[in-house]
N, C-alpha and C. Protein backbone atom coordinates (compact mmCIF):
# COMPACT_ATOMS: atom_id res chain seq x y z
N UNK A 1 -100.22 133.36 54.45
CA UNK A 1 -99.91 131.71 54.75
C UNK A 1 -99.49 131.45 56.03
N UNK A 2 -100.06 130.78 56.63
CA UNK A 2 -99.94 130.71 58.09
C UNK A 2 -98.84 129.22 57.99
N UNK A 3 -98.21 128.92 59.01
CA UNK A 3 -97.07 128.23 59.68
C UNK A 3 -97.62 127.30 60.28
N UNK A 4 -97.29 126.04 59.47
CA UNK A 4 -98.68 125.12 60.35
C UNK A 4 -97.62 124.78 61.73
N UNK A 5 -98.63 124.52 62.53
CA UNK A 5 -98.25 124.07 63.62
C UNK A 5 -97.69 122.86 63.94
N UNK A 6 -96.35 122.58 64.68
CA UNK A 6 -96.22 121.41 65.20
C UNK A 6 -96.68 120.21 64.96
N UNK A 7 -97.84 120.06 66.07
CA UNK A 7 -98.74 119.01 66.15
C UNK A 7 -99.54 118.81 64.79
N UNK A 8 -99.65 120.04 63.92
CA UNK A 8 -100.24 119.80 62.66
C UNK A 8 -99.08 118.76 61.46
N UNK A 9 -97.86 119.23 61.66
CA UNK A 9 -96.63 118.58 60.74
C UNK A 9 -96.93 117.02 60.99
N UNK A 10 -96.99 116.72 62.38
CA UNK A 10 -96.75 115.32 63.07
C UNK A 10 -98.12 114.65 62.92
N UNK A 11 -98.71 115.21 63.00
CA UNK A 11 -100.44 114.44 62.82
C UNK A 11 -100.80 113.27 61.40
N UNK A 12 -100.17 113.87 60.57
CA UNK A 12 -100.55 113.42 59.33
C UNK A 12 -99.11 112.00 58.96
N UNK A 13 -97.99 112.19 59.97
CA UNK A 13 -96.96 111.74 59.65
C UNK A 13 -96.84 110.19 61.14
N UNK A 14 -96.78 109.51 61.22
CA UNK A 14 -96.79 108.59 62.97
C UNK A 14 -95.32 107.99 62.34
N UNK A 15 -94.39 107.74 61.56
CA UNK A 15 -93.07 107.95 61.91
C UNK A 15 -91.98 109.17 62.11
N UNK A 16 -93.10 110.47 61.42
CA UNK A 16 -92.40 111.65 62.34
C UNK A 16 -92.15 111.50 63.76
N UNK A 17 -93.50 111.35 64.14
CA UNK A 17 -94.28 111.58 65.55
C UNK A 17 -93.10 110.45 66.43
N UNK A 18 -92.93 109.53 65.81
CA UNK A 18 -92.54 108.03 66.82
C UNK A 18 -90.69 108.47 66.36
N UNK A 19 -90.38 109.10 65.55
CA UNK A 19 -88.73 109.72 65.97
C UNK A 19 -88.63 111.08 66.13
N UNK A 20 -89.43 112.02 66.10
CA UNK A 20 -89.48 113.19 67.31
C UNK A 20 -89.10 112.66 68.90
N UNK A 21 -90.39 111.29 69.31
CA UNK A 21 -90.76 110.89 70.76
C UNK A 21 -89.05 110.45 70.67
N UNK A 22 -88.81 109.24 70.00
CA UNK A 22 -87.69 108.51 71.21
C UNK A 22 -86.48 109.67 70.76
N UNK A 23 -86.47 110.66 69.91
CA UNK A 23 -85.07 112.30 70.02
C UNK A 23 -85.32 112.60 70.97
N UNK A 24 -87.04 113.29 71.71
CA UNK A 24 -87.06 113.83 72.87
C UNK A 24 -86.29 112.52 74.07
N UNK A 25 -86.68 111.81 73.67
CA UNK A 25 -86.54 110.25 74.99
C UNK A 25 -85.25 110.65 75.38
N UNK A 26 -84.31 110.52 74.24
CA UNK A 26 -82.89 109.91 73.97
C UNK A 26 -81.86 111.07 74.42
N UNK A 27 -82.46 112.70 74.30
CA UNK A 27 -81.86 113.65 74.34
C UNK A 27 -82.25 113.88 76.12
N UNK A 28 -83.46 113.39 76.93
CA UNK A 28 -83.03 113.73 77.97
C UNK A 28 -82.25 112.95 78.52
N UNK A 29 -82.28 111.42 78.13
CA UNK A 29 -81.80 110.20 78.67
C UNK A 29 -80.58 111.06 78.78
N UNK A 30 -79.86 111.76 77.87
CA UNK A 30 -78.49 111.66 77.74
C UNK A 30 -77.99 113.10 78.86
N UNK A 31 -79.01 113.81 78.90
CA UNK A 31 -79.05 115.11 79.78
C UNK A 31 -79.02 114.82 81.23
N UNK A 32 -79.62 114.05 81.65
CA UNK A 32 -79.83 113.67 83.00
C UNK A 32 -78.40 112.40 83.27
N UNK A 33 -77.94 111.80 82.25
CA UNK A 33 -76.65 111.35 82.67
C UNK A 33 -75.42 112.07 82.67
N UNK A 34 -75.30 112.89 81.86
CA UNK A 34 -74.35 114.19 81.45
C UNK A 34 -74.82 114.49 83.43
N UNK A 35 -75.41 114.96 83.40
CA UNK A 35 -75.50 116.62 84.65
C UNK A 35 -75.63 115.66 86.42
N UNK A 36 -76.06 114.47 86.05
CA UNK A 36 -76.38 114.13 87.70
C UNK A 36 -75.16 113.73 88.11
N UNK A 37 -73.82 113.16 88.15
CA UNK A 37 -72.25 113.57 88.14
C UNK A 37 -72.04 114.87 88.58
N UNK A 38 -72.13 115.73 87.98
CA UNK A 38 -71.55 116.65 88.14
C UNK A 38 -72.33 117.51 89.22
N UNK A 39 -73.75 117.67 89.31
CA UNK A 39 -74.65 118.04 90.83
C UNK A 39 -74.41 117.16 92.04
N UNK A 40 -73.94 115.93 91.65
CA UNK A 40 -73.28 115.36 92.55
C UNK A 40 -72.01 115.55 93.21
N UNK A 41 -71.19 115.71 92.53
CA UNK A 41 -70.06 116.47 93.26
C UNK A 41 -70.30 117.72 93.25
N UNK A 42 -70.51 118.84 93.36
CA UNK A 42 -71.19 119.87 93.72
C UNK A 42 -71.64 120.05 94.62
N UNK A 43 -72.74 119.21 95.26
CA UNK A 43 -73.31 118.83 96.62
C UNK A 43 -71.87 118.26 97.09
N UNK A 44 -71.16 117.34 96.76
CA UNK A 44 -70.31 117.00 97.89
C UNK A 44 -69.03 117.98 98.02
N UNK A 45 -69.19 118.96 97.23
CA UNK A 45 -67.91 120.24 97.64
C UNK A 45 -68.78 121.58 98.58
N UNK A 46 -70.00 120.95 98.52
CA UNK A 46 -70.08 122.65 99.46
C UNK A 46 -69.97 122.58 100.53
N UNK A 47 -70.03 124.36 101.01
CA UNK A 47 -69.56 124.43 102.39
C UNK A 47 -70.39 123.67 103.99
N UNK A 48 -69.76 122.94 104.58
CA UNK A 48 -70.88 122.54 105.35
C UNK A 48 -70.58 121.08 105.33
N UNK A 49 -70.52 120.50 103.94
CA UNK A 49 -70.25 118.89 104.14
C UNK A 49 -69.53 118.29 104.43
N UNK A 50 -68.64 117.13 105.24
CA UNK A 50 -67.79 116.82 105.65
C UNK A 50 -66.49 116.88 104.77
N UNK A 51 -66.74 116.88 103.42
CA UNK A 51 -65.72 116.98 102.52
C UNK A 51 -65.61 118.14 102.75
N UNK A 52 -65.98 119.15 102.54
CA UNK A 52 -65.44 120.29 102.23
C UNK A 52 -64.74 121.03 103.82
N UNK A 53 -65.44 120.56 104.83
CA UNK A 53 -64.50 120.89 105.73
C UNK A 53 -63.36 120.37 106.65
N UNK A 54 -63.21 119.11 106.11
CA UNK A 54 -61.85 118.42 106.04
C UNK A 54 -60.42 119.11 106.01
N UNK A 55 -60.71 119.85 104.99
CA UNK A 55 -59.60 121.11 104.22
C UNK A 55 -59.48 122.37 105.32
N UNK A 56 -57.90 122.28 105.25
CA UNK A 56 -57.70 123.70 105.83
C UNK A 56 -58.39 124.84 104.97
N UNK A 57 -58.86 126.00 105.16
CA UNK A 57 -59.37 127.24 104.54
C UNK A 57 -58.57 127.48 103.29
N UNK A 58 -58.63 127.47 102.29
CA UNK A 58 -57.55 127.89 100.86
C UNK A 58 -57.62 126.37 100.07
N UNK A 59 -58.36 125.51 100.78
CA UNK A 59 -57.67 124.03 99.96
C UNK A 59 -59.29 123.42 99.78
N UNK A 60 -59.30 122.68 99.37
CA UNK A 60 -60.46 121.71 98.33
C UNK A 60 -60.53 120.43 98.63
N UNK A 61 -61.41 119.78 99.21
CA UNK A 61 -61.32 118.83 99.30
C UNK A 61 -62.13 117.49 97.86
N UNK A 62 -61.05 116.46 97.52
CA UNK A 62 -61.87 115.82 96.27
C UNK A 62 -61.81 114.78 96.98
N UNK A 63 -62.78 114.01 96.50
CA UNK A 63 -63.53 112.52 97.06
C UNK A 63 -62.72 111.48 96.37
N UNK A 64 -62.24 110.91 97.34
CA UNK A 64 -61.35 109.46 97.04
C UNK A 64 -62.59 108.11 96.60
N UNK A 65 -62.10 107.20 96.14
CA UNK A 65 -62.29 106.33 96.16
C UNK A 65 -62.45 105.11 96.70
N UNK A 66 -63.19 105.09 98.27
CA UNK A 66 -62.68 104.37 99.67
C UNK A 66 -63.97 104.78 100.24
N UNK A 67 -63.80 104.52 101.74
CA UNK A 67 -64.84 105.07 102.47
C UNK A 67 -65.40 106.65 102.36
N UNK A 68 -66.69 106.59 102.64
CA UNK A 68 -67.23 108.11 102.54
C UNK A 68 -66.67 108.75 102.91
N UNK A 69 -66.66 109.97 102.45
CA UNK A 69 -66.08 111.55 102.90
C UNK A 69 -64.63 111.87 102.72
N UNK A 70 -63.90 109.94 102.46
CA UNK A 70 -62.51 109.78 102.53
C UNK A 70 -61.75 110.86 101.40
N UNK A 71 -60.73 111.94 101.57
CA UNK A 71 -60.49 113.04 100.70
C UNK A 71 -59.41 113.07 100.39
N UNK A 72 -58.77 113.90 99.38
CA UNK A 72 -57.41 114.40 99.49
C UNK A 72 -57.92 115.98 98.97
N UNK A 73 -56.70 116.85 100.05
CA UNK A 73 -57.03 118.01 99.88
C UNK A 73 -55.46 118.90 98.87
N UNK A 74 -56.58 119.43 98.35
CA UNK A 74 -55.37 120.10 97.06
C UNK A 74 -56.01 121.94 97.41
N UNK A 75 -54.78 122.43 96.74
CA UNK A 75 -55.11 123.80 97.06
C UNK A 75 -55.84 124.62 95.54
N UNK A 76 -56.87 125.60 96.19
CA UNK A 76 -57.66 125.84 95.48
C UNK A 76 -57.41 126.42 93.82
N UNK A 77 -56.21 127.08 94.41
CA UNK A 77 -55.46 127.86 92.73
C UNK A 77 -55.48 126.78 92.04
N UNK A 78 -55.53 125.02 92.09
CA UNK A 78 -54.77 124.38 90.99
C UNK A 78 -56.46 123.84 90.47
N UNK A 79 -57.34 123.88 91.12
CA UNK A 79 -58.85 124.33 90.73
C UNK A 79 -58.97 125.38 89.06
N UNK A 80 -60.15 124.92 88.16
CA UNK A 80 -60.34 126.31 87.33
C UNK A 80 -61.15 125.74 86.31
N UNK A 81 -61.29 126.59 85.73
CA UNK A 81 -61.92 126.09 84.49
C UNK A 81 -61.30 125.75 83.39
N UNK A 82 -61.18 124.69 82.37
CA UNK A 82 -60.31 124.80 81.58
C UNK A 82 -61.20 125.42 80.21
N UNK A 83 -60.38 125.38 79.03
CA UNK A 83 -61.17 125.92 77.82
C UNK A 83 -61.84 125.23 77.15
N UNK A 84 -61.68 123.67 77.42
CA UNK A 84 -62.75 122.61 76.49
C UNK A 84 -63.83 122.12 77.50
N UNK A 85 -64.15 123.18 78.43
CA UNK A 85 -65.15 122.39 79.43
C UNK A 85 -66.40 122.53 79.09
N UNK A 86 -66.59 123.78 78.43
CA UNK A 86 -67.80 123.33 77.41
C UNK A 86 -68.38 122.86 76.02
N UNK A 87 -67.22 122.77 75.41
CA UNK A 87 -67.23 121.76 74.20
C UNK A 87 -67.27 120.38 74.49
N UNK A 88 -66.47 120.01 75.22
CA UNK A 88 -66.75 118.05 75.30
C UNK A 88 -67.89 118.09 75.46
N UNK A 89 -68.65 118.54 76.13
CA UNK A 89 -69.87 117.52 76.63
C UNK A 89 -70.90 117.99 75.35
N UNK A 90 -70.90 118.58 74.83
CA UNK A 90 -71.46 119.11 73.64
C UNK A 90 -71.31 117.77 72.69
N UNK A 91 -69.51 117.79 72.41
CA UNK A 91 -69.11 116.81 71.29
C UNK A 91 -69.51 115.49 71.52
N UNK A 92 -69.49 115.18 72.72
CA UNK A 92 -69.63 113.76 73.98
C UNK A 92 -71.19 113.44 73.39
N UNK A 93 -71.95 114.29 73.69
CA UNK A 93 -73.67 114.25 73.57
C UNK A 93 -74.00 114.04 72.25
N UNK A 94 -73.11 114.74 71.17
CA UNK A 94 -73.32 114.45 69.62
C UNK A 94 -72.74 113.13 69.47
N UNK A 95 -71.92 112.93 69.52
CA UNK A 95 -71.20 111.36 69.39
C UNK A 95 -72.35 110.15 69.59
N UNK A 96 -72.73 110.42 70.80
CA UNK A 96 -73.63 109.35 71.53
C UNK A 96 -74.63 109.54 70.60
N UNK A 97 -75.63 110.57 70.33
CA UNK A 97 -76.91 110.51 69.98
C UNK A 97 -76.80 109.83 67.73
N UNK A 98 -75.67 110.52 67.37
CA UNK A 98 -74.87 109.67 66.60
C UNK A 98 -75.26 108.34 65.84
N UNK A 99 -73.91 108.18 67.62
CA UNK A 99 -73.89 106.34 67.27
C UNK A 99 -75.22 105.58 67.88
N UNK A 100 -76.13 106.07 68.07
CA UNK A 100 -77.31 105.98 68.59
C UNK A 100 -78.50 105.35 67.57
N UNK A 101 -78.60 106.58 66.87
CA UNK A 101 -79.07 106.57 65.66
C UNK A 101 -78.98 105.83 64.65
N UNK A 102 -76.89 105.93 64.54
CA UNK A 102 -76.82 104.75 63.35
C UNK A 102 -76.60 102.95 63.59
N UNK A 103 -76.73 102.97 64.88
CA UNK A 103 -77.25 101.77 65.24
C UNK A 103 -78.65 101.59 65.23
N UNK A 104 -79.71 102.33 65.36
CA UNK A 104 -80.83 102.11 65.21
C UNK A 104 -81.03 101.43 63.72
N UNK A 105 -80.39 102.27 62.63
CA UNK A 105 -80.87 102.12 61.59
C UNK A 105 -80.62 100.99 61.24
N UNK A 106 -79.02 100.46 61.69
CA UNK A 106 -78.53 99.14 61.45
C UNK A 106 -79.08 98.00 61.75
N UNK A 107 -80.11 97.86 63.12
CA UNK A 107 -80.50 97.17 63.02
C UNK A 107 -81.80 97.42 62.22
N UNK A 108 -82.94 98.14 62.46
CA UNK A 108 -83.35 98.10 61.58
C UNK A 108 -84.80 98.07 61.99
N UNK A 109 -84.96 98.69 63.09
CA UNK A 109 -85.93 99.10 63.90
C UNK A 109 -87.24 99.74 62.78
N UNK A 110 -86.97 100.40 61.95
CA UNK A 110 -88.10 101.56 61.09
C UNK A 110 -88.29 101.06 59.81
N UNK A 111 -87.86 99.65 59.61
CA UNK A 111 -88.02 99.04 58.60
C UNK A 111 -89.45 98.48 58.76
N UNK A 112 -90.34 98.50 57.65
CA UNK A 112 -91.85 97.73 57.18
C UNK A 112 -91.58 96.50 57.51
N UNK A 113 -92.35 95.46 58.18
CA UNK A 113 -92.38 93.63 57.67
C UNK A 113 -93.14 94.13 56.51
N UNK A 114 -92.54 92.95 55.43
CA UNK A 114 -93.22 92.40 54.07
C UNK A 114 -94.58 91.35 54.85
N UNK A 115 -95.70 91.85 53.86
CA UNK A 115 -96.85 90.97 54.33
C UNK A 115 -96.84 90.47 53.11
N UNK A 116 -97.67 88.70 53.34
CA UNK A 116 -96.78 88.14 52.57
C UNK A 116 -98.75 88.32 51.04
N UNK A 117 -98.42 87.94 49.93
CA UNK A 117 -99.53 88.75 49.09
C UNK A 117 -100.93 87.83 49.17
N UNK A 118 -100.16 86.36 49.21
CA UNK A 118 -101.59 85.28 49.21
C UNK A 118 -102.31 85.40 50.72
N UNK A 119 -103.64 85.54 50.58
CA UNK A 119 -104.66 85.79 51.28
C UNK A 119 -105.51 84.60 52.41
N UNK A 120 -105.68 84.02 50.64
CA UNK A 120 -105.57 82.43 51.51
C UNK A 120 -105.18 81.99 52.15
N UNK A 121 -105.50 81.11 53.16
CA UNK A 121 -104.62 80.42 54.18
C UNK A 121 -104.77 78.92 54.51
N UNK A 122 -106.17 78.32 53.54
CA UNK A 122 -106.68 77.22 53.70
C UNK A 122 -106.62 76.80 52.64
N UNK A 123 -105.38 77.18 51.41
CA UNK A 123 -104.50 76.83 50.62
C UNK A 123 -105.69 76.23 49.53
N UNK A 124 -106.93 76.50 49.47
CA UNK A 124 -107.58 76.60 47.86
C UNK A 124 -107.20 77.86 47.14
N UNK A 125 -106.94 77.29 45.77
CA UNK A 125 -106.71 78.96 44.95
C UNK A 125 -108.11 79.61 44.40
N UNK A 126 -107.51 80.85 43.60
CA UNK A 126 -108.64 81.01 43.49
C UNK A 126 -108.55 81.55 41.89
N UNK A 127 -109.47 81.14 41.42
CA UNK A 127 -109.64 80.92 39.18
C UNK A 127 -110.14 82.97 39.09
């Protein structure tokens, strides 16, 4: 017995295709929203940028809320990876995805609209 293909599973079930498509779109949106600020911060503190050259060796410039490239210098020894750095983004992504799905279910996006059984629009009755 051959395992059915992904396309074969979704071809006969348009609701499954719709759900898979929106799950992929939502996952991509959450991924982009989560990683773009991190990439911007990493770009800002790379060697050669004004933020990185503002501090003495052994110091790290952290951006402040204000004029561009305004920074506060802190010793590099104060910065390091926390143990929760890997778990917190995953928990946040799961919370966002599940709340989005609960909201979608509450709004009733997937409910089928009820159609009237009366097909005669001219008011004539059938005997």
